[in-house]
Amino acid sequence: MSLPLTFSAGTSATHALSEDLMTSALELSYLHDDSSALHDLYDASDGLPHLAAHAGAALEGATPQEVIRWAYDRFGERFVVATSMAECVLPHMAAQIRPGAKVVFLDTGYHFAETLGTADAVESTIDIQLLRVRPEQTVAEQDATYGKDLWTRDPDLCCRLRKVLPLRRALAPYVAWASGIMRAETESRKGIGLVEWDATNGLVKVNPLAAWTQDDVDKYVADNGLLSNPLLSDGYGSIGCAPCTRRGNGRQGRWTGTGKVECGIHA
């Protein structure tokens, strides 16, 4: 399909990073090897939030692959894909469009063995560069600082330390990132756009699967012979950290009994 998405190059970048993110960008500079100036990647006259809003509206109705291709065309090596290693739909799509695509996986230290095994299998069977991102503290170090099993007392803080902040540091070198969330998953996700502004990380956020349902995901997996996390066949509708994940339909098994519905990455 033809997408009316042309933006003229501006003269200066308005994508401001806080001091800690600038430090992280230097520490994580190995994550990208391009030398493109930011003003060559988007129209800086109105800024990234404006671009995200315009693109989200213009791309509505596009296929996930068209959305991903637009993101690579727009941001090049400053675009990265993230995955939770439930299914490998997004990494597979990215690799079809950009062989060797960079894919971020948050290794929280609390994952099921099946999730880590899925990450290993995806890395070895799909043409991606898997970037395993870990928290600053090991689980043992976190226990020593905050007390054992922080997730039982303050799951929001645990998620922030082991998911939100590590992802923020990992995304610092980039301009845009992609997630696999879908509107059909939860009430809080019904309004997500195919492209939107991520104020938490100060980036353009691309949600190629936003308009899909789980049936669409399952069909893509079957049609392409892709592997999935074996826990999906064992009653788990959604897979996160082992201590906070139970069997259940959709996301019903996440943080059961706490009232918590999001880890903070997509909130």
Foldseek 3Di string as FASTA:
>chain_A
DDFPQDADFADDAPLDDPPVLVVLCVVQVVQFDDDDDVSVQHHRPPHDQVSLVVCLVRCVVPALLVLLLVCCVRFPRLEAEEDAQQFCVVLQSNCVNPFQGEYEYQPLLQFDPLSVVSVVVCPVPGRYHYDYFFFPDHQVRVCVVPNHPVCVPCVLVSLCRRPVVRVLSNSSNHAEYEYADELPQDVVLVPDTQWHADPSNSHIYGHNCHHPDVVVVVVVCVVVVTDGRCVVVVQFCDGDGPVQADGDHRQCRGNHPPPDRDNPRVD
